[in-house]
């Protein structure tokens, strides 16, 4: 029986890399992103090797999250939920003293509230799977204090804590919070506009780590991709 993964923010960067990696391992996919055209390109590519349902939309939208959960159900139920969609709140991310409150609210909505809300919808499916797992993409900014990263870091710290609590409440489901490291992604470029970030590794380089994580199913907890 084919495993199914729901991956948010899968039109580029780490989300697209994880989608490619899981597709190569035979997983069926439900993927989303706000950028519909980019999502279509990824879906067309991966559709040659596996079943892909691509739904453009914003994870903060209630109806969109419901669509993602329903799509996974129609594929037989989700075995893995990857909460990857994220936002910095500004480019470069603003200092806390100057952080516009609407942007700060959006940062928490995208990075914390939406993952929790989508997890609530998909959990009934994950509970029925022998491999049920939630993978929340974290950051070193969740545990280290960096100037300019207060909003994003605080949101990721909240997501880490929510992940740890969920793991206690859902002992039959694996709940991992993973820091993928600094990668050559759009988010990283937004954090350092105008800088050359070519020294960062490509997102594809951490793909094998995530496949190993999913295959070996270590205990719920916070991990750093190596």
N, C-alpha and C. Protein backbone atom coordinates (compact mmCIF):
# COMPACT_ATOMS: atom_id res chain seq x y z
N UNK A 1 0.85 -1.20 0.00
CA UNK A 1 0.00 0.00 0.00
C UNK A 1 0.88 1.24 0.00
N UNK A 2 0.56 2.22 -0.82
CA UNK A 2 1.35 3.44 -0.96
C UNK A 2 1.13 4.37 0.22
N UNK A 3 2.20 4.88 0.77
CA UNK A 3 2.12 5.89 1.82
C UNK A 3 1.80 7.24 1.20
N UNK A 4 1.15 8.10 1.98
CA UNK A 4 0.76 9.42 1.51
C UNK A 4 1.29 10.49 2.45
N UNK A 5 1.87 11.53 1.87
CA UNK A 5 2.38 12.66 2.64
C UNK A 5 1.69 13.94 2.22
N UNK A 6 1.38 14.80 3.19
CA UNK A 6 0.89 16.14 2.94
C UNK A 6 2.04 17.09 3.25
N UNK A 7 2.42 17.92 2.27
CA UNK A 7 3.56 18.82 2.44
C UNK A 7 3.12 20.23 2.10
N UNK A 8 3.27 21.15 3.04
CA UNK A 8 2.92 22.54 2.77
C UNK A 8 4.16 23.31 2.32
N UNK A 9 3.92 24.36 1.54
CA UNK A 9 5.04 25.16 1.03
C UNK A 9 5.95 24.36 0.13
N UNK A 10 5.35 23.61 -0.81
CA UNK A 10 6.13 22.65 -1.60
C UNK A 10 6.45 23.12 -3.01
N UNK A 11 6.30 24.41 -3.29
CA UNK A 11 6.55 24.88 -4.65
C UNK A 11 8.02 25.18 -4.91
N UNK A 12 8.82 25.27 -3.85
CA UNK A 12 10.24 25.59 -4.01
C UNK A 12 10.97 25.27 -2.71
N UNK A 13 12.29 25.46 -2.73
CA UNK A 13 13.08 25.31 -1.51
C UNK A 13 12.99 23.94 -0.88
N UNK A 14 12.98 23.92 0.46
CA UNK A 14 12.98 22.67 1.20
C UNK A 14 11.71 21.86 0.93
N UNK A 15 10.56 22.52 0.85
CA UNK A 15 9.32 21.80 0.60
C UNK A 15 9.35 21.03 -0.70
N UNK A 16 9.83 21.67 -1.76
CA UNK A 16 9.93 20.99 -3.05
C UNK A 16 10.95 19.86 -2.99
N UNK A 17 12.06 20.10 -2.29
CA UNK A 17 13.09 19.07 -2.17
C UNK A 17 12.55 17.84 -1.44
N UNK A 18 11.80 18.06 -0.36
CA UNK A 18 11.22 16.93 0.38
C UNK A 18 10.19 16.20 -0.48
N UNK A 19 9.41 16.96 -1.26
CA UNK A 19 8.43 16.34 -2.13
C UNK A 19 9.12 15.45 -3.16
N UNK A 20 10.21 15.93 -3.74
CA UNK A 20 10.96 15.13 -4.72
C UNK A 20 11.53 13.87 -4.07
N UNK A 21 12.07 14.03 -2.88
CA UNK A 21 12.68 12.90 -2.19
C UNK A 21 11.64 11.83 -1.87
N UNK A 22 10.50 12.23 -1.34
CA UNK A 22 9.47 11.26 -0.99
C UNK A 22 8.84 10.65 -2.24
N UNK A 23 8.69 11.45 -3.30
CA UNK A 23 8.16 10.91 -4.55
C UNK A 23 9.08 9.82 -5.08
N UNK A 24 10.38 10.07 -4.99
CA UNK A 24 11.35 9.08 -5.44
C UNK A 24 11.31 7.80 -4.63
N UNK A 25 10.84 7.92 -3.38
CA UNK A 25 10.72 6.75 -2.51
C UNK A 25 9.35 6.08 -2.65
N UNK A 26 8.53 6.59 -3.58
CA UNK A 26 7.25 5.95 -3.87
C UNK A 26 6.05 6.49 -3.12
N UNK A 27 6.21 7.62 -2.43
CA UNK A 27 5.09 8.19 -1.69
C UNK A 27 4.14 8.93 -2.62
N UNK A 28 2.84 8.84 -2.35
CA UNK A 28 1.86 9.72 -2.98
C UNK A 28 1.88 11.04 -2.22
N UNK A 29 1.54 12.12 -2.90
CA UNK A 29 1.72 13.44 -2.29
C UNK A 29 0.49 14.33 -2.44
N UNK A 30 0.23 15.09 -1.38
CA UNK A 30 -0.68 16.23 -1.45
C UNK A 30 0.18 17.43 -1.10
N UNK A 31 0.33 18.36 -2.06
CA UNK A 31 1.24 19.48 -1.86
C UNK A 31 0.50 20.80 -2.06
N UNK A 32 0.99 21.81 -1.36
CA UNK A 32 0.38 23.13 -1.51
C UNK A 32 1.43 24.21 -1.52
N UNK A 33 1.02 25.40 -1.94
CA UNK A 33 1.85 26.60 -1.91
C UNK A 33 0.97 27.77 -2.29
N UNK A 34 1.39 28.97 -1.92
CA UNK A 34 0.64 30.15 -2.31
C UNK A 34 0.88 30.51 -3.77
N UNK A 35 2.04 30.12 -4.30
CA UNK A 35 2.40 30.44 -5.68
C UNK A 35 1.94 29.30 -6.61
N UNK A 36 0.76 29.49 -7.20
CA UNK A 36 0.15 28.43 -8.00
C UNK A 36 0.96 27.98 -9.19
N UNK A 37 1.57 28.93 -9.91
CA UNK A 37 2.33 28.56 -11.10
C UNK A 37 3.55 27.72 -10.75
N UNK A 38 4.27 28.11 -9.70
CA UNK A 38 5.43 27.32 -9.26
C UNK A 38 4.99 25.94 -8.80
N UNK A 39 3.86 25.87 -8.13
CA UNK A 39 3.35 24.60 -7.64
C UNK A 39 3.00 23.68 -8.80
N UNK A 40 2.44 24.24 -9.86
CA UNK A 40 2.08 23.45 -11.03
C UNK A 40 3.32 22.82 -11.67
N UNK A 41 4.42 23.57 -11.70
CA UNK A 41 5.66 23.05 -12.28
C UNK A 41 6.16 21.85 -11.49
N UNK A 42 6.16 21.97 -10.16
CA UNK A 42 6.61 20.86 -9.31
C UNK A 42 5.67 19.67 -9.45
N UNK A 43 4.37 19.94 -9.48
CA UNK A 43 3.39 18.85 -9.60
C UNK A 43 3.54 18.10 -10.92
N UNK A 44 3.79 18.84 -12.00
CA UNK A 44 3.97 18.19 -13.30
C UNK A 44 5.21 17.31 -13.31
N UNK A 45 6.26 17.80 -12.68
CA UNK A 45 7.51 17.03 -12.60
C UNK A 45 7.30 15.74 -11.81
N UNK A 46 6.71 15.86 -10.62
CA UNK A 46 6.57 14.70 -9.74
C UNK A 46 5.46 13.77 -10.18
N UNK A 47 4.51 14.32 -10.95
CA UNK A 47 3.42 13.49 -11.44
C UNK A 47 3.87 12.41 -12.40
N UNK A 48 5.10 12.53 -12.89
CA UNK A 48 5.64 11.49 -13.78
C UNK A 48 6.07 10.25 -13.02
N UNK A 49 6.25 10.39 -11.68
CA UNK A 49 6.76 9.25 -10.91
C UNK A 49 5.83 8.78 -9.80
N UNK A 50 4.84 9.62 -9.44
CA UNK A 50 3.94 9.23 -8.36
C UNK A 50 2.62 9.99 -8.50
N UNK A 51 1.68 9.66 -7.64
CA UNK A 51 0.40 10.37 -7.61
C UNK A 51 0.58 11.68 -6.84
N UNK A 52 0.19 12.78 -7.46
CA UNK A 52 0.35 14.09 -6.84
C UNK A 52 -0.95 14.87 -6.95
N UNK A 53 -1.39 15.39 -5.82
CA UNK A 53 -2.53 16.32 -5.80
C UNK A 53 -1.98 17.66 -5.35
N UNK A 54 -2.03 18.65 -6.21
CA UNK A 54 -1.50 19.98 -5.91
C UNK A 54 -2.65 20.96 -5.73
N UNK A 55 -2.67 21.64 -4.60
CA UNK A 55 -3.75 22.58 -4.29
C UNK A 55 -3.12 23.91 -3.89
N UNK A 56 -3.27 24.91 -4.75
CA UNK A 56 -2.72 26.23 -4.44
C UNK A 56 -3.59 26.92 -3.39
N UNK A 57 -2.93 27.58 -2.45
CA UNK A 57 -3.67 28.30 -1.42
C UNK A 57 -2.78 28.66 -0.26
N UNK A 58 -3.36 29.32 0.71
CA UNK A 58 -2.64 29.81 1.88
C UNK A 58 -3.01 28.97 3.09
N UNK A 59 -2.01 28.49 3.82
CA UNK A 59 -2.27 27.60 4.96
C UNK A 59 -3.03 28.28 6.08
N UNK A 60 -3.09 29.61 6.08
CA UNK A 60 -3.85 30.28 7.13
C UNK A 60 -5.35 30.29 6.83
N UNK A 61 -5.72 29.84 5.64
CA UNK A 61 -7.13 29.82 5.23
C UNK A 61 -7.79 28.51 5.66
N UNK A 62 -8.89 28.62 6.39
CA UNK A 62 -9.58 27.44 6.92
C UNK A 62 -10.01 26.49 5.81
N UNK A 63 -10.63 27.02 4.77
CA UNK A 63 -11.14 26.18 3.68
C UNK A 63 -10.00 25.47 2.95
N UNK A 64 -8.88 26.16 2.80
CA UNK A 64 -7.74 25.55 2.11
C UNK A 64 -7.20 24.36 2.90
N UNK A 65 -7.06 24.54 4.21
CA UNK A 65 -6.58 23.42 5.04
C UNK A 65 -7.54 22.23 4.95
N UNK A 66 -8.83 22.51 4.94
CA UNK A 66 -9.81 21.43 4.82
C UNK A 66 -9.66 20.70 3.49
N UNK A 67 -9.35 21.44 2.42
CA UNK A 67 -9.13 20.82 1.11
C UNK A 67 -7.94 19.87 1.16
N UNK A 68 -6.87 20.28 1.83
CA UNK A 68 -5.68 19.44 1.92
C UNK A 68 -5.99 18.13 2.65
N UNK A 69 -6.69 18.24 3.78
CA UNK A 69 -7.04 17.05 4.55
C UNK A 69 -7.95 16.12 3.76
N UNK A 70 -8.91 16.70 3.03
CA UNK A 70 -9.83 15.90 2.23
C UNK A 70 -9.11 15.20 1.09
N UNK A 71 -8.16 15.90 0.47
CA UNK A 71 -7.40 15.28 -0.62
C UNK A 71 -6.60 14.09 -0.12
N UNK A 72 -6.00 14.22 1.07
CA UNK A 72 -5.24 13.10 1.63
C UNK A 72 -6.17 11.93 1.95
N UNK A 73 -7.36 12.23 2.45
CA UNK A 73 -8.32 11.18 2.77
C UNK A 73 -8.71 10.39 1.52
N UNK A 74 -8.88 11.09 0.41
CA UNK A 74 -9.25 10.43 -0.83
C UNK A 74 -8.14 9.54 -1.38
N UNK A 75 -6.90 9.79 -0.95
CA UNK A 75 -5.77 8.95 -1.37
C UNK A 75 -5.55 7.78 -0.41
N UNK A 76 -6.46 7.63 0.55
CA UNK A 76 -6.36 6.53 1.49
C UNK A 76 -5.96 6.96 2.88
N UNK A 77 -5.71 8.25 3.07
CA UNK A 77 -5.34 8.76 4.39
C UNK A 77 -3.88 9.12 4.47
N UNK A 78 -3.59 10.20 5.18
CA UNK A 78 -2.20 10.65 5.32
C UNK A 78 -1.43 9.77 6.30
N UNK A 79 -0.18 9.50 5.95
CA UNK A 79 0.74 8.82 6.85
C UNK A 79 1.75 9.81 7.42
N UNK A 80 1.91 10.94 6.75
CA UNK A 80 2.90 11.93 7.16
C UNK A 80 2.38 13.32 6.83
N UNK A 81 2.49 14.23 7.79
CA UNK A 81 2.18 15.63 7.55
C UNK A 81 3.45 16.44 7.76
N UNK A 82 3.86 17.18 6.74
CA UNK A 82 5.05 18.02 6.83
C UNK A 82 4.60 19.48 6.83
N UNK A 83 4.70 20.13 7.98
CA UNK A 83 4.37 21.55 8.10
C UNK A 83 5.63 22.35 7.79
N UNK A 84 5.76 22.74 6.53
CA UNK A 84 6.97 23.42 6.06
C UNK A 84 6.73 24.88 5.70
N UNK A 85 5.51 25.23 5.29
CA UNK A 85 5.22 26.61 4.88
C UNK A 85 5.61 27.58 5.99
N UNK A 86 6.28 28.68 5.61
CA UNK A 86 6.81 29.58 6.62
C UNK A 86 6.94 30.99 6.08
N UNK A 87 7.06 31.95 7.00
CA UNK A 87 7.30 33.34 6.61
C UNK A 87 8.15 34.02 7.66
N UNK A 88 8.96 34.98 7.22
CA UNK A 88 9.84 35.72 8.13
C UNK A 88 9.15 36.93 8.76
N UNK A 89 8.19 37.49 8.04
CA UNK A 89 7.53 38.70 8.52
C UNK A 89 8.11 39.97 7.94
N UNK A 90 9.13 39.83 7.09
CA UNK A 90 9.74 40.99 6.46
C UNK A 90 11.07 40.61 5.85
N UNK A 91 11.55 41.41 4.93
CA UNK A 91 12.84 41.15 4.28
C UNK A 91 13.66 42.44 4.25
N UNK A 92 14.73 42.51 5.07
CA UNK A 92 15.12 41.52 6.08
C UNK A 92 14.14 41.51 7.24
N UNK A 93 14.14 40.45 8.05
CA UNK A 93 13.20 40.41 9.17
C UNK A 93 13.48 41.56 10.13
N UNK A 94 12.44 42.28 10.54
CA UNK A 94 12.64 43.48 11.35
C UNK A 94 12.97 43.18 12.81
N UNK A 95 13.65 44.13 13.44
CA UNK A 95 13.90 44.04 14.88
C UNK A 95 12.58 44.10 15.63
N UNK A 96 12.53 43.51 16.80
CA UNK A 96 11.28 43.48 17.56
C UNK A 96 10.75 44.88 17.87
N UNK A 97 11.66 45.82 18.12
CA UNK A 97 11.24 47.17 18.45
C UNK A 97 10.48 47.85 17.32
N UNK A 98 10.73 47.38 16.10
CA UNK A 98 10.13 48.00 14.92
C UNK A 98 9.20 47.05 14.16
N UNK A 99 8.93 45.87 14.71
CA UNK A 99 8.16 44.85 13.99
C UNK A 99 6.71 45.31 13.87
N UNK A 100 6.22 45.56 12.65
CA UNK A 100 4.80 45.94 12.50
C UNK A 100 3.92 44.83 13.05
N UNK A 101 2.99 45.16 13.89
CA UNK A 101 2.17 44.14 14.53
C UNK A 101 1.37 43.28 13.55
N UNK A 102 0.83 43.84 12.45
CA UNK A 102 0.15 42.96 11.48
C UNK A 102 1.10 41.91 10.90
N UNK A 103 2.35 42.31 10.64
CA UNK A 103 3.32 41.35 10.10
C UNK A 103 3.71 40.32 11.16
N UNK A 104 3.79 40.75 12.41
CA UNK A 104 4.11 39.82 13.49
C UNK A 104 2.98 38.81 13.68
N UNK A 105 1.75 39.30 13.57
CA UNK A 105 0.60 38.41 13.67
C UNK A 105 0.63 37.37 12.55
N UNK A 106 0.93 37.82 11.33
CA UNK A 106 1.01 36.88 10.20
C UNK A 106 2.11 35.84 10.42
N UNK A 107 3.23 36.28 11.00
CA UNK A 107 4.35 35.37 11.27
C UNK A 107 3.90 34.23 12.18
N UNK A 108 3.13 34.57 13.20
CA UNK A 108 2.64 33.53 14.11
C UNK A 108 1.51 32.71 13.48
N UNK A 109 0.70 33.35 12.66
CA UNK A 109 -0.39 32.61 12.00
C UNK A 109 0.17 31.55 11.07
N UNK A 110 1.17 31.93 10.26
CA UNK A 110 1.74 30.99 9.28
C UNK A 110 2.61 29.93 9.96
N UNK A 111 3.43 30.34 10.92
CA UNK A 111 4.44 29.44 11.49
C UNK A 111 3.95 28.61 12.67
N UNK A 112 2.86 29.03 13.32
CA UNK A 112 2.38 28.30 14.50
C UNK A 112 0.91 27.88 14.36
N UNK A 113 0.04 28.86 14.19
CA UNK A 113 -1.39 28.55 14.18
C UNK A 113 -1.77 27.62 13.04
N UNK A 114 -1.32 27.92 11.84
CA UNK A 114 -1.69 27.09 10.68
C UNK A 114 -1.20 25.64 10.82
N UNK A 115 0.07 25.42 11.23
CA UNK A 115 0.49 24.03 11.43
C UNK A 115 -0.34 23.28 12.47
N UNK A 116 -0.68 23.96 13.57
CA UNK A 116 -1.50 23.30 14.58
C UNK A 116 -2.89 23.00 14.03
N UNK A 117 -3.47 23.96 13.32
CA UNK A 117 -4.81 23.78 12.77
C UNK A 117 -4.85 22.66 11.73
N UNK A 118 -3.84 22.60 10.86
CA UNK A 118 -3.80 21.54 9.85
C UNK A 118 -3.57 20.19 10.52
N UNK A 119 -2.73 20.17 11.54
CA UNK A 119 -2.50 18.92 12.28
C UNK A 119 -3.80 18.41 12.88
N UNK A 120 -4.61 19.29 13.44
CA UNK A 120 -5.89 18.88 14.00
C UNK A 120 -6.74 18.16 12.96
N UNK A 121 -6.73 18.67 11.73
CA UNK A 121 -7.55 18.08 10.67
C UNK A 121 -7.01 16.73 10.19
N UNK A 122 -5.68 16.60 10.17
CA UNK A 122 -5.07 15.40 9.60
C UNK A 122 -4.85 14.31 10.65
N UNK A 123 -4.84 14.67 11.93
CA UNK A 123 -4.57 13.69 12.99
C UNK A 123 -5.45 12.44 12.94
N UNK A 124 -6.75 12.57 12.67
CA UNK A 124 -7.55 11.33 12.60
C UNK A 124 -7.03 10.34 11.58
N UNK A 125 -6.46 10.82 10.49
CA UNK A 125 -5.87 9.94 9.49
C UNK A 125 -4.55 9.35 9.98
N UNK A 126 -3.73 10.19 10.61
CA UNK A 126 -2.43 9.74 11.10
C UNK A 126 -2.57 8.67 12.18
N UNK A 127 -3.61 8.80 12.99
CA UNK A 127 -3.83 7.81 14.06
C UNK A 127 -4.13 6.43 13.50
N UNK A 128 -4.68 6.38 12.29
CA UNK A 128 -5.03 5.10 11.68
C UNK A 128 -3.86 4.47 10.93
N UNK A 129 -2.78 5.21 10.78
CA UNK A 129 -1.62 4.72 10.03
C UNK A 129 -0.59 4.10 10.96
N UNK A 130 0.00 3.00 10.51
CA UNK A 130 1.08 2.38 11.29
C UNK A 130 2.32 3.27 11.29
N UNK A 131 2.39 4.21 10.33
CA UNK A 131 3.56 5.07 10.21
C UNK A 131 3.21 6.54 10.45
N UNK A 132 2.09 6.80 11.12
CA UNK A 132 1.62 8.17 11.30
C UNK A 132 2.65 9.08 11.95
N UNK A 133 2.91 10.22 11.32
CA UNK A 133 3.91 11.14 11.85
C UNK A 133 3.63 12.57 11.42
N UNK A 134 4.00 13.51 12.29
CA UNK A 134 3.97 14.93 11.99
C UNK A 134 5.40 15.43 12.00
N UNK A 135 5.79 16.10 10.92
CA UNK A 135 7.13 16.66 10.81
C UNK A 135 7.01 18.18 10.70
N UNK A 136 7.39 18.89 11.76
CA UNK A 136 7.34 20.35 11.78
C UNK A 136 8.74 20.90 11.52
N UNK A 137 8.86 21.74 10.52
CA UNK A 137 10.17 22.31 10.18
C UNK A 137 10.46 23.47 11.13
N UNK A 138 11.57 23.33 11.86
CA UNK A 138 11.95 24.31 12.86
C UNK A 138 13.15 25.12 12.35
N UNK A 139 13.92 25.68 13.26
CA UNK A 139 15.05 26.53 12.90
C UNK A 139 15.96 26.67 14.11
N UNK A 140 17.25 26.96 13.86
CA UNK A 140 18.13 27.25 14.99
C UNK A 140 17.71 28.54 15.69
N UNK A 141 16.96 29.39 14.97
CA UNK A 141 16.47 30.63 15.58
C UNK A 141 15.45 30.36 16.68
N UNK A 142 14.95 29.13 16.76
CA UNK A 142 14.02 28.77 17.82
C UNK A 142 14.73 28.57 19.16
N UNK A 143 16.03 28.33 19.11
CA UNK A 143 16.77 28.04 20.36
C UNK A 143 17.94 29.00 20.58
N UNK A 144 18.30 29.78 19.55
CA UNK A 144 19.37 30.76 19.67
C UNK A 144 18.81 32.16 19.42
N UNK A 145 19.36 33.15 20.12
CA UNK A 145 18.89 34.54 19.97
C UNK A 145 19.74 35.26 18.93
N UNK A 146 19.14 35.58 17.79
CA UNK A 146 19.80 36.31 16.72
C UNK A 146 19.10 37.64 16.51
N UNK A 147 19.87 38.70 16.41
CA UNK A 147 19.28 40.01 16.15
C UNK A 147 18.49 39.97 14.84
N UNK A 148 17.28 40.51 14.89
CA UNK A 148 16.44 40.55 13.70
C UNK A 148 15.59 39.31 13.49
N UNK A 149 15.81 38.30 14.30
CA UNK A 149 15.07 37.05 14.13
C UNK A 149 14.07 36.80 15.25
N UNK A 150 13.71 37.86 15.99
CA UNK A 150 12.84 37.69 17.14
C UNK A 150 11.46 37.16 16.82
N UNK A 151 10.82 37.72 15.78
CA UNK A 151 9.48 37.27 15.43
C UNK A 151 9.47 35.84 14.92
N UNK A 152 10.31 35.57 13.94
CA UNK A 152 10.41 34.23 13.36
C UNK A 152 10.86 33.22 14.40
N UNK A 153 11.91 33.58 15.17
CA UNK A 153 12.44 32.67 16.17
C UNK A 153 11.43 32.34 17.25
N UNK A 154 10.70 33.37 17.71
CA UNK A 154 9.69 33.13 18.73
C UNK A 154 8.58 32.23 18.21
N UNK A 155 8.20 32.42 16.96
CA UNK A 155 7.16 31.58 16.36
C UNK A 155 7.63 30.14 16.24
N UNK A 156 8.87 29.94 15.80
CA UNK A 156 9.40 28.58 15.68
C UNK A 156 9.59 27.93 17.05
N UNK A 157 9.95 28.73 18.06
CA UNK A 157 10.06 28.19 19.42
C UNK A 157 8.69 27.72 19.91
N UNK A 158 7.66 28.50 19.59
CA UNK A 158 6.31 28.10 19.95
C UNK A 158 5.91 26.81 19.25
N UNK A 159 6.30 26.69 17.97
CA UNK A 159 5.99 25.47 17.22
C UNK A 159 6.72 24.28 17.83
N UNK A 160 7.97 24.48 18.22
CA UNK A 160 8.73 23.41 18.88
C UNK A 160 8.00 22.92 20.13
N UNK A 161 7.55 23.88 20.95
CA UNK A 161 6.89 23.51 22.19
C UNK A 161 5.56 22.81 21.91
N UNK A 162 4.82 23.32 20.95
CA UNK A 162 3.57 22.67 20.58
C UNK A 162 3.83 21.25 20.10
N UNK A 163 4.92 21.05 19.37
CA UNK A 163 5.28 19.72 18.89
C UNK A 163 5.54 18.78 20.07
N UNK A 164 6.27 19.28 21.07
CA UNK A 164 6.60 18.46 22.24
C UNK A 164 5.34 18.07 23.02
N UNK A 165 4.41 19.03 23.15
CA UNK A 165 3.16 18.74 23.85
C UNK A 165 2.32 17.73 23.07
N UNK A 166 2.23 17.93 21.76
CA UNK A 166 1.46 17.01 20.93
C UNK A 166 2.02 15.59 21.04
N UNK A 167 3.34 15.47 21.11
CA UNK A 167 3.96 14.16 21.23
C UNK A 167 3.52 13.46 22.52
N UNK A 168 3.35 14.23 23.59
CA UNK A 168 2.87 13.66 24.86
C UNK A 168 1.41 13.23 24.75
N UNK A 169 0.63 14.03 24.02
CA UNK A 169 -0.80 13.77 23.93
C UNK A 169 -1.15 12.69 22.91
N UNK A 170 -0.26 12.48 21.94
CA UNK A 170 -0.50 11.49 20.87
C UNK A 170 0.66 10.50 20.81
N UNK A 171 0.79 9.64 21.81
CA UNK A 171 1.96 8.75 21.89
C UNK A 171 2.08 7.74 20.74
N UNK A 172 0.98 7.49 20.04
CA UNK A 172 1.03 6.54 18.93
C UNK A 172 1.47 7.18 17.62
N UNK A 173 1.53 8.51 17.62
CA UNK A 173 1.95 9.25 16.42
C UNK A 173 3.31 9.87 16.70
N UNK A 174 4.25 9.73 15.76
CA UNK A 174 5.53 10.40 15.92
C UNK A 174 5.36 11.89 15.62
N UNK A 175 5.99 12.72 16.44
CA UNK A 175 5.95 14.16 16.22
C UNK A 175 7.38 14.67 16.29
N UNK A 176 7.90 15.08 15.14
CA UNK A 176 9.29 15.54 15.07
C UNK A 176 9.33 17.03 14.73
N UNK A 177 10.21 17.73 15.41
CA UNK A 177 10.50 19.12 15.08
C UNK A 177 11.95 19.14 14.62
N UNK A 178 12.19 19.52 13.37
CA UNK A 178 13.53 19.36 12.80
C UNK A 178 14.08 20.69 12.28
N UNK A 179 15.27 21.02 12.74
CA UNK A 179 16.02 22.16 12.21
C UNK A 179 16.83 21.67 11.02
N UNK A 180 16.51 22.13 9.80
CA UNK A 180 17.21 21.62 8.62
C UNK A 180 18.56 22.29 8.38
N UNK A 181 18.89 23.32 9.17
CA UNK A 181 20.13 24.06 8.94
C UNK A 181 19.93 25.17 7.92
N UNK A 182 20.94 26.00 7.75
CA UNK A 182 20.88 27.08 6.76
C UNK A 182 21.01 26.50 5.36
N UNK A 183 20.02 26.76 4.54
CA UNK A 183 20.01 26.20 3.19
C UNK A 183 19.85 27.32 2.17
N UNK A 184 20.16 27.01 0.93
CA UNK A 184 20.06 27.99 -0.16
C UNK A 184 18.61 28.04 -0.65
N UNK A 185 17.79 28.80 0.07
CA UNK A 185 16.37 28.87 -0.22
C UNK A 185 15.91 30.32 -0.35
N UNK A 186 14.69 30.48 -0.84
CA UNK A 186 14.10 31.81 -0.95
C UNK A 186 14.01 32.48 0.41
N UNK A 187 13.63 31.72 1.44
CA UNK A 187 13.52 32.29 2.78
C UNK A 187 14.86 32.80 3.27
N UNK A 188 15.91 32.05 3.01
CA UNK A 188 17.25 32.47 3.43
C UNK A 188 17.68 33.73 2.68
N UNK A 189 17.33 33.81 1.39
CA UNK A 189 17.67 35.00 0.62
C UNK A 189 16.89 36.20 1.12
N UNK A 190 15.64 36.00 1.50
CA UNK A 190 14.85 37.09 2.05
C UNK A 190 15.43 37.59 3.37
N UNK A 191 16.02 36.69 4.12
CA UNK A 191 16.63 37.08 5.39
C UNK A 191 17.87 37.93 5.18
N UNK A 192 18.54 37.70 4.06
CA UNK A 192 19.78 38.43 3.76
C UNK A 192 19.69 39.01 2.34
N UNK A 193 18.79 39.94 2.10
CA UNK A 193 18.60 40.48 0.75
C UNK A 193 19.88 41.14 0.25
N UNK A 194 20.23 40.81 -0.99
CA UNK A 194 21.42 41.39 -1.59
C UNK A 194 22.69 40.62 -1.31
N UNK A 195 22.67 39.71 -0.33
CA UNK A 195 23.86 38.93 0.00
C UNK A 195 23.98 37.71 -0.92
N UNK A 196 25.19 37.25 -1.08
CA UNK A 196 25.46 36.02 -1.82
C UNK A 196 25.31 34.84 -0.86
N UNK A 197 24.30 34.01 -1.07
CA UNK A 197 24.09 32.87 -0.16
C UNK A 197 24.47 31.56 -0.84
N UNK A 198 25.32 31.64 -1.88
CA UNK A 198 25.69 30.44 -2.61
C UNK A 198 26.54 29.49 -1.78
N UNK A 199 27.03 29.95 -0.61
CA UNK A 199 27.81 29.07 0.24
C UNK A 199 26.91 28.12 1.04
N UNK A 200 25.60 28.41 1.08
CA UNK A 200 24.68 27.51 1.77
C UNK A 200 24.41 26.28 0.91
N UNK A 201 24.26 25.11 1.53
CA UNK A 201 23.96 23.91 0.76
C UNK A 201 22.55 23.96 0.19
N UNK A 202 22.35 23.29 -0.92
CA UNK A 202 21.03 23.20 -1.54
C UNK A 202 20.09 22.36 -0.66
N UNK A 203 18.80 22.63 -0.72
CA UNK A 203 17.85 21.87 0.10
C UNK A 203 17.91 20.36 -0.15
N UNK A 204 18.22 19.98 -1.38
CA UNK A 204 18.27 18.55 -1.72
C UNK A 204 19.29 17.79 -0.88
N UNK A 205 20.28 18.49 -0.35
CA UNK A 205 21.33 17.79 0.40
C UNK A 205 20.82 17.18 1.70
N UNK A 206 19.72 17.70 2.24
CA UNK A 206 19.20 17.15 3.49
C UNK A 206 18.08 16.14 3.24
N UNK A 207 17.73 15.93 1.97
CA UNK A 207 16.69 14.97 1.64
C UNK A 207 16.92 13.59 2.23
N UNK A 208 18.13 13.01 2.09
CA UNK A 208 18.39 11.69 2.65
C UNK A 208 18.17 11.62 4.16
N UNK A 209 18.46 12.73 4.86
CA UNK A 209 18.24 12.73 6.31
C UNK A 209 16.76 12.52 6.62
N UNK A 210 15.91 13.23 5.89
CA UNK A 210 14.48 13.14 6.17
C UNK A 210 13.91 11.78 5.79
N UNK A 211 14.42 11.18 4.72
CA UNK A 211 13.98 9.82 4.36
C UNK A 211 14.37 8.84 5.46
N UNK A 212 15.58 9.00 5.98
CA UNK A 212 16.02 8.13 7.08
C UNK A 212 15.16 8.32 8.32
N UNK A 213 14.82 9.58 8.60
CA UNK A 213 13.97 9.87 9.75
C UNK A 213 12.63 9.17 9.62
N UNK A 214 12.01 9.30 8.46
CA UNK A 214 10.69 8.70 8.23
C UNK A 214 10.77 7.18 8.25
N UNK A 215 11.83 6.63 7.67
CA UNK A 215 11.98 5.18 7.61
C UNK A 215 12.27 4.56 8.98
N UNK A 216 13.13 5.21 9.75
CA UNK A 216 13.56 4.63 11.03
C UNK A 216 12.64 4.99 12.18
N UNK A 217 11.84 6.05 12.03
CA UNK A 217 10.85 6.45 13.02
C UNK A 217 11.43 6.53 14.44
N UNK A 218 12.43 7.41 14.66
CA UNK A 218 12.94 7.57 16.02
C UNK A 218 11.87 8.19 16.92
N UNK A 219 12.16 8.24 18.21
CA UNK A 219 11.22 8.80 19.15
C UNK A 219 10.87 10.24 18.80
N UNK A 220 9.67 10.66 19.16
CA UNK A 220 9.28 12.04 18.96
C UNK A 220 10.28 12.95 19.67
N UNK A 221 10.51 14.13 19.08
CA UNK A 221 11.45 15.07 19.68
C UNK A 221 11.99 16.06 18.69
N UNK A 222 12.95 16.86 19.15
CA UNK A 222 13.56 17.87 18.29
C UNK A 222 14.89 17.35 17.76
N UNK A 223 15.10 17.49 16.45
CA UNK A 223 16.29 16.98 15.80
C UNK A 223 16.92 18.07 14.92
N UNK A 224 18.18 17.88 14.62
CA UNK A 224 18.90 18.76 13.70
C UNK A 224 19.38 17.91 12.53
N UNK A 225 19.04 18.31 11.33
CA UNK A 225 19.44 17.54 10.14
C UNK A 225 20.95 17.60 9.98
N UNK A 226 21.56 16.45 9.78
CA UNK A 226 23.01 16.35 9.59
C UNK A 226 23.30 15.63 8.28
